[in-house]
Amino acid sequence: MDTVVELWDFVASRKKYWMAPLLAVMLLLGALLLLQGTAVAPFIYTLF
């Protein structure tokens, strides 16, 4: 979580709010990768 906080601090300090959707997509893809080994995996495969 420290990396996410550092990225958000960078975005806020440099006023580069256009990067916020990029960070959200990166977090979402990271969460999907973590959930692949769980019971949620069959539902993730239907998305792709």
N, C-alpha and C. Protein backbone atom coordinates (compact mmCIF):
# COMPACT_ATOMS: atom_id res chain seq x y z
N MET A 1 0.82 -1.21 0.00
CA MET A 1 0.00 0.00 0.00
C MET A 1 0.86 1.27 0.00
N ASP A 2 2.11 1.16 0.42
CA ASP A 2 2.97 2.35 0.43
C ASP A 2 3.19 2.88 -0.98
N THR A 3 3.30 1.98 -1.93
CA THR A 3 3.50 2.40 -3.31
C THR A 3 2.30 3.17 -3.83
N VAL A 4 1.11 2.71 -3.49
CA VAL A 4 -0.11 3.40 -3.92
C VAL A 4 -0.17 4.78 -3.29
N VAL A 5 0.17 4.88 -2.03
CA VAL A 5 0.15 6.18 -1.34
C VAL A 5 1.18 7.12 -1.97
N GLU A 6 2.37 6.59 -2.28
CA GLU A 6 3.39 7.43 -2.91
C GLU A 6 2.94 7.90 -4.28
N LEU A 7 2.32 7.01 -5.06
CA LEU A 7 1.83 7.42 -6.36
C LEU A 7 0.77 8.50 -6.24
N TRP A 8 -0.14 8.33 -5.29
CA TRP A 8 -1.19 9.33 -5.12
C TRP A 8 -0.61 10.66 -4.67
N ASP A 9 0.39 10.63 -3.78
CA ASP A 9 1.04 11.87 -3.36
C ASP A 9 1.71 12.57 -4.54
N PHE A 10 2.33 11.79 -5.44
CA PHE A 10 2.93 12.36 -6.63
C PHE A 10 1.88 13.03 -7.51
N VAL A 11 0.76 12.31 -7.71
CA VAL A 11 -0.32 12.85 -8.55
C VAL A 11 -0.86 14.14 -7.94
N ALA A 12 -1.06 14.15 -6.65
CA ALA A 12 -1.63 15.33 -5.99
C ALA A 12 -0.65 16.50 -5.97
N SER A 13 0.62 16.23 -5.72
CA SER A 13 1.58 17.32 -5.63
C SER A 13 1.90 17.92 -6.99
N ARG A 14 1.88 17.10 -8.04
CA ARG A 14 2.20 17.61 -9.38
C ARG A 14 0.95 18.05 -10.16
N LYS A 15 -0.22 17.90 -9.54
CA LYS A 15 -1.49 18.27 -10.17
C LYS A 15 -1.72 17.50 -11.47
N LYS A 16 -1.37 16.23 -11.48
CA LYS A 16 -1.57 15.39 -12.65
C LYS A 16 -2.73 14.43 -12.39
N TYR A 17 -3.91 15.01 -12.26
CA TYR A 17 -5.10 14.22 -11.92
C TYR A 17 -5.56 13.33 -13.06
N TRP A 18 -5.04 13.54 -14.27
CA TRP A 18 -5.40 12.68 -15.38
C TRP A 18 -4.83 11.27 -15.18
N MET A 19 -3.89 11.13 -14.26
CA MET A 19 -3.29 9.82 -13.99
C MET A 19 -4.15 8.98 -13.05
N ALA A 20 -5.15 9.56 -12.41
CA ALA A 20 -5.99 8.84 -11.45
C ALA A 20 -6.70 7.64 -12.09
N PRO A 21 -7.29 7.75 -13.28
CA PRO A 21 -7.90 6.56 -13.88
C PRO A 21 -6.88 5.47 -14.18
N LEU A 22 -5.68 5.87 -14.57
CA LEU A 22 -4.62 4.89 -14.82
C LEU A 22 -4.28 4.11 -13.55
N LEU A 23 -4.19 4.82 -12.44
CA LEU A 23 -3.91 4.17 -11.16
C LEU A 23 -5.05 3.24 -10.76
N ALA A 24 -6.29 3.65 -11.03
CA ALA A 24 -7.44 2.82 -10.69
C ALA A 24 -7.43 1.52 -11.50
N VAL A 25 -7.10 1.62 -12.77
CA VAL A 25 -7.03 0.42 -13.62
C VAL A 25 -5.91 -0.49 -13.16
N MET A 26 -4.77 0.08 -12.79
CA MET A 26 -3.66 -0.73 -12.30
C MET A 26 -4.05 -1.48 -11.02
N LEU A 27 -4.76 -0.81 -10.12
CA LEU A 27 -5.20 -1.46 -8.89
C LEU A 27 -6.21 -2.57 -9.18
N LEU A 28 -7.10 -2.32 -10.11
CA LEU A 28 -8.10 -3.32 -10.48
C LEU A 28 -7.45 -4.56 -11.08
N LEU A 29 -6.51 -4.37 -11.98
CA LEU A 29 -5.82 -5.51 -12.59
C LEU A 29 -4.99 -6.27 -11.55
N GLY A 30 -4.39 -5.54 -10.63
CA GLY A 30 -3.65 -6.20 -9.55
C GLY A 30 -4.55 -7.04 -8.67
N ALA A 31 -5.74 -6.52 -8.38
CA ALA A 31 -6.70 -7.27 -7.57
C ALA A 31 -7.17 -8.52 -8.31
N LEU A 32 -7.37 -8.39 -9.61
CA LEU A 32 -7.79 -9.56 -10.40
C LEU A 32 -6.71 -10.63 -10.40
N LEU A 33 -5.46 -10.23 -10.47
CA LEU A 33 -4.37 -11.20 -10.44
C LEU A 33 -4.31 -11.92 -9.09
N LEU A 34 -4.57 -11.19 -8.02
CA LEU A 34 -4.56 -11.80 -6.70
C LEU A 34 -5.73 -12.76 -6.51
N LEU A 35 -6.86 -12.46 -7.14
CA LEU A 35 -8.05 -13.29 -6.97
C LEU A 35 -8.08 -14.51 -7.88
N GLN A 36 -7.11 -14.64 -8.76
CA GLN A 36 -7.11 -15.77 -9.69
C GLN A 36 -6.98 -17.11 -8.97
N GLY A 37 -6.35 -17.14 -7.85
CA GLY A 37 -6.16 -18.38 -7.14
C GLY A 37 -7.30 -18.73 -6.20
N THR A 38 -8.38 -17.99 -6.25
CA THR A 38 -9.48 -18.21 -5.32
C THR A 38 -10.70 -18.74 -6.06
N ALA A 39 -11.79 -18.83 -5.36
CA ALA A 39 -13.04 -19.32 -5.95
C ALA A 39 -13.64 -18.32 -6.92
N VAL A 40 -13.09 -17.12 -6.98
CA VAL A 40 -13.60 -16.09 -7.87
C VAL A 40 -13.06 -16.28 -9.29
N ALA A 41 -12.04 -17.11 -9.45
CA ALA A 41 -11.37 -17.29 -10.73
C ALA A 41 -12.31 -17.64 -11.88
N PRO A 42 -13.27 -18.56 -11.74
CA PRO A 42 -14.15 -18.85 -12.88
C PRO A 42 -14.93 -17.63 -13.37
N PHE A 43 -15.25 -16.72 -12.49
CA PHE A 43 -15.98 -15.53 -12.88
C PHE A 43 -15.06 -14.52 -13.59
N ILE A 44 -13.78 -14.51 -13.20
CA ILE A 44 -12.82 -13.62 -13.85
C ILE A 44 -12.59 -14.07 -15.28
N TYR A 45 -12.52 -15.39 -15.50
CA TYR A 45 -12.25 -15.89 -16.86
C TYR A 45 -13.36 -15.52 -17.82
N THR A 46 -14.57 -15.35 -17.34
CA THR A 46 -15.67 -14.98 -18.24
C THR A 46 -15.53 -13.52 -18.70
N LEU A 47 -14.79 -12.70 -17.95
CA LEU A 47 -14.61 -11.32 -18.37
C LEU A 47 -13.69 -11.20 -19.58
N PHE A 48 -12.79 -12.16 -19.72
CA PHE A 48 -11.82 -12.09 -20.81
C PHE A 48 -12.15 -13.15 -21.81
